[in-house]
PDB file of N, CA and C in Angstrom:
ATOM      1  N   MET A   1      34.044-167.226  98.887  1.00  0.00           N
ATOM      2  CA  MET A   1      32.907-166.058  99.295  1.00  0.00           C
ATOM      3  C   MET A   1      33.175-165.747 100.725  1.00  0.00           C
ATOM      4  N   ILE A   2      33.520-167.060 101.680  1.00  0.00           N
ATOM      5  CA  ILE A   2      33.595-166.819 102.824  1.00  0.00           C
ATOM      6  C   ILE A   2      34.879-166.765 102.867  1.00  0.00           C
ATOM      7  N   ARG A   3      35.819-166.873 102.317  1.00  0.00           N
ATOM      8  CA  ARG A   3      37.509-167.013 102.134  1.00  0.00           C
ATOM      9  C   ARG A   3      37.387-165.005 102.384  1.00  0.00           C
ATOM     10  N   ILE A   4      37.059-164.972 101.692  1.00  0.00           N
ATOM     11  CA  ILE A   4      37.199-162.906 101.036  1.00  0.00           C
ATOM     12  C   ILE A   4      36.821-162.580 101.784  1.00  0.00           C
ATOM     13  N   ALA A   5      35.503-162.620 102.464  1.00  0.00           N
ATOM     14  CA  ALA A   5      34.647-161.729 103.711  1.00  0.00           C
ATOM     15  C   ALA A   5      35.077-161.768 104.657  1.00  0.00           C
ATOM     16  N   LEU A   6      35.633-163.349 105.231  1.00  0.00           N
ATOM     17  CA  LEU A   6      36.588-163.205 106.777  1.00  0.00           C
ATOM     18  C   LEU A   6      37.687-162.003 106.716  1.00  0.00           C
ATOM     19  N   PRO A   7      38.588-161.857 106.029  1.00  0.00           N
ATOM     20  CA  PRO A   7      39.961-160.771 105.647  1.00  0.00           C
ATOM     21  C   PRO A   7      39.401-159.205 105.151  1.00  0.00           C
ATOM     22  N   VAL A   8      37.963-159.612 104.686  1.00  0.00           N
ATOM     23  CA  VAL A   8      37.625-157.901 104.366  1.00  0.00           C
ATOM     24  C   VAL A   8      37.402-157.298 105.724  1.00  0.00           C
ATOM     25  N   MET A   9      36.094-157.771 106.442  1.00  0.00           N
ATOM     26  CA  MET A   9      35.675-157.994 107.812  1.00  0.00           C
ATOM     27  C   MET A   9      37.062-157.572 109.117  1.00  0.00           C
ATOM     28  N   VAL A  10      37.063-158.504 109.144  1.00  0.00           N
ATOM     29  CA  VAL A  10      38.794-157.722 109.776  1.00  0.00           C
ATOM     30  C   VAL A  10      39.785-156.642 109.374  1.00  0.00           C
ATOM     31  N   ALA A  11      39.943-156.857 108.277  1.00  0.00           N
ATOM     32  CA  ALA A  11      40.593-155.262 107.661  1.00  0.00           C
ATOM     33  C   ALA A  11      39.026-154.225 108.441  1.00  0.00           C
ATOM     34  N   LEU A  12      38.157-154.532 107.612  1.00  0.00           N
ATOM     35  CA  LEU A  12      37.618-153.067 107.813  1.00  0.00           C
ATOM     36  C   LEU A  12      37.608-153.159 109.332  1.00  0.00           C
ATOM     37  N   ALA A  13      37.351-154.144 110.212  1.00  0.00           N
ATOM     38  CA  ALA A  13      37.295-153.942 112.019  1.00  0.00           C
ATOM     39  C   ALA A  13      38.205-152.439 112.717  1.00  0.00           C
ATOM     40  N   CYS A  14      39.494-153.397 111.872  1.00  0.00           N
ATOM     41  CA  CYS A  14      40.550-153.068 112.018  1.00  0.00           C
ATOM     42  C   CYS A  14      40.890-151.655 111.746  1.00  0.00           C
ATOM     43  N   ALA A  15      40.296-151.103 110.649  1.00  0.00           N
ATOM     44  CA  ALA A  15      40.345-149.727 110.569  1.00  0.00           C
ATOM     45  C   ALA A  15      39.758-148.971 111.298  1.00  0.00           C
ATOM     46  N   ALA A  16      38.097-149.792 111.835  1.00  0.00           N
ATOM     47  CA  ALA A  16      37.214-148.924 112.326  1.00  0.00           C
ATOM     48  C   ALA A  16      37.863-148.455 113.568  1.00  0.00           C
ATOM     49  N   CYS A  17      38.751-149.257 113.731  1.00  0.00           N
ATOM     50  CA  CYS A  17      39.618-148.966 115.680  1.00  0.00           C
ATOM     51  C   CYS A  17      40.803-148.189 115.595  1.00  0.00           C
ATOM     52  N   SER A  18      40.408-147.878 114.631  1.00  0.00           N
ATOM     53  CA  SER A  18      41.872-147.171 114.326  1.00  0.00           C
ATOM     54  C   SER A  18      41.903-145.602 115.291  1.00  0.00           C
ATOM     55  N   LYS A  19      42.841-144.873 115.618  1.00  0.00           N
ATOM     56  CA  LYS A  19      43.103-143.890 116.034  1.00  0.00           C
ATOM     57  C   LYS A  19      43.547-142.745 114.904  1.00  0.00           C
ATOM     58  N   PRO A  20      42.371-141.137 115.016  1.00  0.00           N
ATOM     59  CA  PRO A  20      43.078-140.651 114.061  1.00  0.00           C
ATOM     60  C   PRO A  20      44.416-139.823 114.589  1.00  0.00           C
ATOM     61  N   PRO A  21      45.276-139.344 113.381  1.00  0.00           N
ATOM     62  CA  PRO A  21      46.353-138.974 113.856  1.00  0.00           C
ATOM     63  C   PRO A  21      46.371-137.640 114.759  1.00  0.00           C
ATOM     64  N   GLN A  22      47.549-137.635 115.583  1.00  0.00           N
ATOM     65  CA  GLN A  22      46.807-135.892 116.412  1.00  0.00           C
ATOM     66  C   GLN A  22      47.967-134.888 115.365  1.00  0.00           C
ATOM     67  N   PRO A  23      47.338-133.507 116.344  1.00  0.00           N
ATOM     68  CA  PRO A  23      47.811-132.576 115.129  1.00  0.00           C
ATOM     69  C   PRO A  23      49.475-132.250 116.414  1.00  0.00           C
ATOM     70  N   ASN A  24      50.589-132.082 115.410  1.00  0.00           N
ATOM     71  CA  ASN A  24      51.677-131.291 115.892  1.00  0.00           C
ATOM     72  C   ASN A  24      51.479-130.662 116.883  1.00  0.00           C
ATOM     73  N   GLU A  25      50.942-129.650 116.555  1.00  0.00           N
ATOM     74  CA  GLU A  25      50.455-127.889 116.633  1.00  0.00           C
ATOM     75  C   GLU A  25      49.538-127.698 117.613  1.00  0.00           C
ATOM     76  N   PRO A  26      50.285-127.260 119.153  1.00  0.00           N
ATOM     77  CA  PRO A  26      48.851-126.969 120.365  1.00  0.00           C
ATOM     78  C   PRO A  26      47.980-125.889 119.443  1.00  0.00           C
ATOM     79  N   PRO A  27      46.717-126.214 119.624  1.00  0.00           N
ATOM     80  CA  PRO A  27      45.627-125.345 119.638  1.00  0.00           C
ATOM     81  C   PRO A  27      45.649-123.894 120.020  1.00  0.00           C
ATOM     82  N   THR A  28      45.265-122.926 119.110  1.00  0.00           N
ATOM     83  CA  THR A  28      45.370-121.681 118.859  1.00  0.00           C
ATOM     84  C   THR A  28      44.964-121.060 119.754  1.00  0.00           C
ATOM     85  N   PRO A  29      45.433-120.161 121.099  1.00  0.00           N
ATOM     86  CA  PRO A  29      44.564-119.025 122.041  1.00  0.00           C
ATOM     87  C   PRO A  29      43.443-118.507 122.232  1.00  0.00           C
ATOM     88  N   GLN A  30      42.279-118.736 122.651  1.00  0.00           N
ATOM     89  CA  GLN A  30      41.495-117.823 122.511  1.00  0.00           C
ATOM     90  C   GLN A  30      41.591-116.209 122.629  1.00  0.00           C
ATOM     91  N   ALA A  31      41.057-115.230 122.102  1.00  0.00           N
ATOM     92  CA  ALA A  31      41.184-113.860 122.567  1.00  0.00           C
ATOM     93  C   ALA A  31      40.478-113.876 124.313  1.00  0.00           C
ATOM     94  N   ARG A  32      40.970-113.031 125.523  1.00  0.00           N
ATOM     95  CA  ARG A  32      40.492-112.475 125.728  1.00  0.00           C
ATOM     96  C   ARG A  32      38.669-111.800 125.379  1.00  0.00           C
ATOM     97  N   VAL A  33      37.708-112.052 126.337  1.00  0.00           N
ATOM     98  CA  VAL A  33      36.489-111.307 126.442  1.00  0.00           C
ATOM     99  C   VAL A  33      36.249-110.366 127.422  1.00  0.00           C
ATOM    100  N   GLU A  34      36.541-109.541 127.204  1.00  0.00           N
ATOM    101  CA  GLU A  34      35.780-108.312 128.346  1.00  0.00           C
ATOM    102  C   GLU A  34      34.749-108.451 128.978  1.00  0.00           C
ATOM    103  N   THR A  35      34.699-108.616 130.185  1.00  0.00           N
ATOM    104  CA  THR A  35      33.668-109.099 131.183  1.00  0.00           C
ATOM    105  C   THR A  35      33.006-107.299 131.825  1.00  0.00           C
ATOM    106  N   PRO A  36      32.066-107.485 132.350  1.00  0.00           N
ATOM    107  CA  PRO A  36      31.537-106.368 132.916  1.00  0.00           C
ATOM    108  C   PRO A  36      32.311-105.491 133.903  1.00  0.00           C
ATOM    109  N   TRP A  37      32.837-106.090 134.746  1.00  0.00           N
ATOM    110  CA  TRP A  37      33.813-105.660 135.697  1.00  0.00           C
ATOM    111  C   TRP A  37      35.267-105.584 135.328  1.00  0.00           C
ATOM    112  N   ASP A  38      35.326-105.386 134.275  1.00  0.00           N
ATOM    113  CA  ASP A  38      36.896-105.181 133.695  1.00  0.00           C
ATOM    114  C   ASP A  38      37.127-103.388 134.057  1.00  0.00           C
ATOM    115  N   SER A  39      36.051-102.668 133.937  1.00  0.00           N
ATOM    116  CA  SER A  39      36.675-101.645 133.703  1.00  0.00           C
ATOM    117  C   SER A  39      36.341-100.892 135.174  1.00  0.00           C
ATOM    118  N   MET A  40      35.442-101.757 136.056  1.00  0.00           N
ATOM    119  CA  MET A  40      35.933-102.234 138.004  1.00  0.00           C
ATOM    120  C   MET A  40      37.236-102.010 138.459  1.00  0.00           C
ATOM    121  N   GLU A  41      37.601-103.147 137.654  1.00  0.00           N
ATOM    122  CA  GLU A  41      39.224-103.591 138.100  1.00  0.00           C
ATOM    123  C   GLU A  41      40.261-102.833 137.732  1.00  0.00           C
ATOM    124  N   ALA A  42      39.901-101.918 136.387  1.00  0.00           N
ATOM    125  CA  ALA A  42      40.951-101.132 136.014  1.00  0.00           C
ATOM    126  C   ALA A  42      41.222 -99.642 137.217  1.00  0.00           C
ATOM    127  N   GLN A  43      39.539 -99.116 137.308  1.00  0.00           N
ATOM    128  CA  GLN A  43      39.868 -98.077 138.604  1.00  0.00           C
ATOM    129  C   GLN A  43      39.852 -98.398 139.801  1.00  0.00           C
ATOM    130  N   LYS A  44      39.472 -99.745 140.257  1.00  0.00           N
ATOM    131  CA  LYS A  44      40.371-100.160 141.543  1.00  0.00           C
ATOM    132  C   LYS A  44      41.890-100.071 141.283  1.00  0.00           C
ATOM    133  N   LYS A  45      42.817-100.453 140.528  1.00  0.00           N
ATOM    134  CA  LYS A  45      43.704-101.118 140.171  1.00  0.00           C
ATOM    135  C   LYS A  45      44.293 -98.640 139.987  1.00  0.00           C
ATOM    136  N   LYS A  46      43.709 -98.109 139.166  1.00  0.00           N
ATOM    137  CA  LYS A  46      44.394 -96.560 139.330  1.00  0.00           C
ATOM    138  C   LYS A  46      43.997 -96.297 140.797  1.00  0.00           C
ATOM    139  N   ALA A  47      42.952 -96.280 141.786  1.00  0.00           N
ATOM    140  CA  ALA A  47      43.076 -95.680 142.902  1.00  0.00           C
ATOM    141  C   ALA A  47      43.977 -96.151 144.145  1.00  0.00           C
ATOM    142  N   GLN A  48      44.525 -98.273 143.929  1.00  0.00           N
ATOM    143  CA  GLN A  48      45.323 -97.830 144.468  1.00  0.00           C
ATOM    144  C   GLN A  48      46.852 -97.797 144.004  1.00  0.00           C
ATOM    145  N   ASP A  49      47.329 -97.183 143.128  1.00  0.00           N
ATOM    146  CA  ASP A  49      47.596 -96.749 142.398  1.00  0.00           C
ATOM    147  C   ASP A  49      48.247 -95.548 142.964  1.00  0.00           C
ATOM    148  N   VAL A  50      47.337 -94.217 143.146  1.00  0.00           N
ATOM    149  CA  VAL A  50      47.167 -92.868 143.322  1.00  0.00           C
ATOM    150  C   VAL A  50      47.361 -93.089 145.420  1.00  0.00           C
ATOM    151  N   GLN A  51      46.808 -93.899 145.857  1.00  0.00           N
ATOM    152  CA  GLN A  51      46.462 -94.533 147.218  1.00  0.00           C
ATOM    153  C   GLN A  51      47.853 -94.456 147.671  1.00  0.00           C
ATOM    154  N   LYS A  52      49.052 -95.333 146.945  1.00  0.00           N
ATOM    155  CA  LYS A  52      50.646 -95.725 147.080  1.00  0.00           C
ATOM    156  C   LYS A  52      51.223 -94.360 146.961  1.00  0.00           C
ATOM    157  N   VAL A  53      50.799 -93.316 145.368  1.00  0.00           N
ATOM    158  CA  VAL A  53      51.827 -92.440 145.791  1.00  0.00           C
ATOM    159  C   VAL A  53      51.204 -91.355 146.844  1.00  0.00           C
ATOM    160  N   VAL A  54      50.172 -91.087 147.459  1.00  0.00           N
ATOM    161  CA  VAL A  54      50.271 -90.291 148.423  1.00  0.00           C
ATOM    162  C   VAL A  54      50.729 -90.575 149.554  1.00  0.00           C
ATOM    163  N   ASP A  55      50.531 -91.874 149.729  1.00  0.00           N
ATOM    164  CA  ASP A  55      51.217 -92.679 151.400  1.00  0.00           C
ATOM    165  C   ASP A  55      53.526 -92.478 150.896  1.00  0.00           C
ATOM    166  N   ASP A  56      53.484 -92.079 149.582  1.00  0.00           N
ATOM    167  CA  ASP A  56      54.945 -91.924 149.594  1.00  0.00           C
ATOM    168  C   ASP A  56      55.024 -91.064 149.674  1.00  0.00           C
ATOM    169  N   GLN A  57      54.437 -89.871 149.290  1.00  0.00           N
ATOM    170  CA  GLN A  57      54.473 -88.526 149.797  1.00  0.00           C
ATOM    171  C   GLN A  57      54.227 -88.095 151.204  1.00  0.00           C
ATOM    172  N   ALA A  58      53.251 -88.368 152.022  1.00  0.00           N
ATOM    173  CA  ALA A  58      53.385 -88.419 153.315  1.00  0.00           C
ATOM    174  C   ALA A  58      54.349 -88.875 153.547  1.00  0.00           C
ATOM    175  N   LYS A  59      54.704 -89.624 153.798  1.00  0.00           N
ATOM    176  CA  LYS A  59      56.156 -90.580 154.792  1.00  0.00           C
ATOM    177  C   LYS A  59      57.306 -89.329 154.039  1.00  0.00           C
ATOM    178  N   ALA A  60      57.372 -88.931 153.003  1.00  0.00           N
ATOM    179  CA  ALA A  60      58.195 -87.958 152.240  1.00  0.00           C
ATOM    180  C   ALA A  60      58.701 -86.623 152.989  1.00  0.00           C
ATOM    181  N   GLN A  61      56.959 -85.634 153.411  1.00  0.00           N
ATOM    182  CA  GLN A  61      56.764 -85.036 154.109  1.00  0.00           C
ATOM    183  C   GLN A  61      57.105 -85.284 155.255  1.00  0.00           C
ATOM    184  N   ALA A  62      56.767 -86.096 156.177  1.00  0.00           N
ATOM    185  CA  ALA A  62      56.889 -86.570 157.737  1.00  0.00           C
ATOM    186  C   ALA A  62      58.429 -85.894 157.621  1.00  0.00           C
ATOM    187  N   LYS A  63      59.130 -87.105 156.533  1.00  0.00           N
ATOM    188  CA  LYS A  63      60.745 -87.213 157.487  1.00  0.00           C
ATOM    189  C   LYS A  63      61.046 -85.831 157.140  1.00  0.00           C
ATOM    190  N   ALA A  64      60.809 -84.724 156.379  1.00  0.00           N
ATOM    191  CA  ALA A  64      61.246 -83.146 155.898  1.00  0.00           C
ATOM    192  C   ALA A  64      60.500 -82.724 157.445  1.00  0.00           C
ATOM    193  N   VAL A  65      59.456 -83.030 157.707  1.00  0.00           N
ATOM    194  CA  VAL A  65      59.246 -82.421 159.433  1.00  0.00           C
ATOM    195  C   VAL A  65      60.147 -82.106 160.296  1.00  0.00           C
ATOM    196  N   GLU A  66      60.415 -84.224 160.470  1.00  0.00           N
ATOM    197  CA  GLU A  66      61.619 -84.457 161.460  1.00  0.00           C
ATOM    198  C   GLU A  66      62.484 -84.129 161.522  1.00  0.00           C
ATOM    199  N   ALA A  67      62.938 -83.779 159.864  1.00  0.00           N
ATOM    200  CA  ALA A  67      64.291 -83.497 160.222  1.00  0.00           C
ATOM    201  C   ALA A  67      64.507 -82.030 160.401  1.00  0.00           C
ATOM    202  N   GLN A  68      63.641 -81.217 160.155  1.00  0.00           N
ATOM    203  CA  GLN A  68      63.417 -79.432 160.807  1.00  0.00           C
ATOM    204  C   GLN A  68      63.267 -79.619 162.421  1.00  0.00           C
ATOM    205  N   ALA A  69      62.518 -80.663 163.009  1.00  0.00           N
ATOM    206  CA  ALA A  69      62.716 -80.446 163.928  1.00  0.00           C
ATOM    207  C   ALA A  69      63.980 -80.271 165.362  1.00  0.00           C
ATOM    208  N   GLN A  70      64.271 -81.212 164.711  1.00  0.00           N
ATOM    209  CA  GLN A  70      65.831 -81.299 165.478  1.00  0.00           C
ATOM    210  C   GLN A  70      66.800 -80.466 165.192  1.00  0.00           C
TER     211      GLN A  70
END
């Protein structure tokens, strides 16, 4: 009985200590959750784009005025 119990306990201990196999594929990414300030960020980006257009038009108009003055 003892001759059989010792190898069985060793086998169970080895089986309990072994790590499960790791998956080969990476976990799937989570979907992005919308936050309350996303709409404000979008408005800020739009305002920055509009300001850039206005600045470009002002530079072009200043160049045209300068060209006419010469």
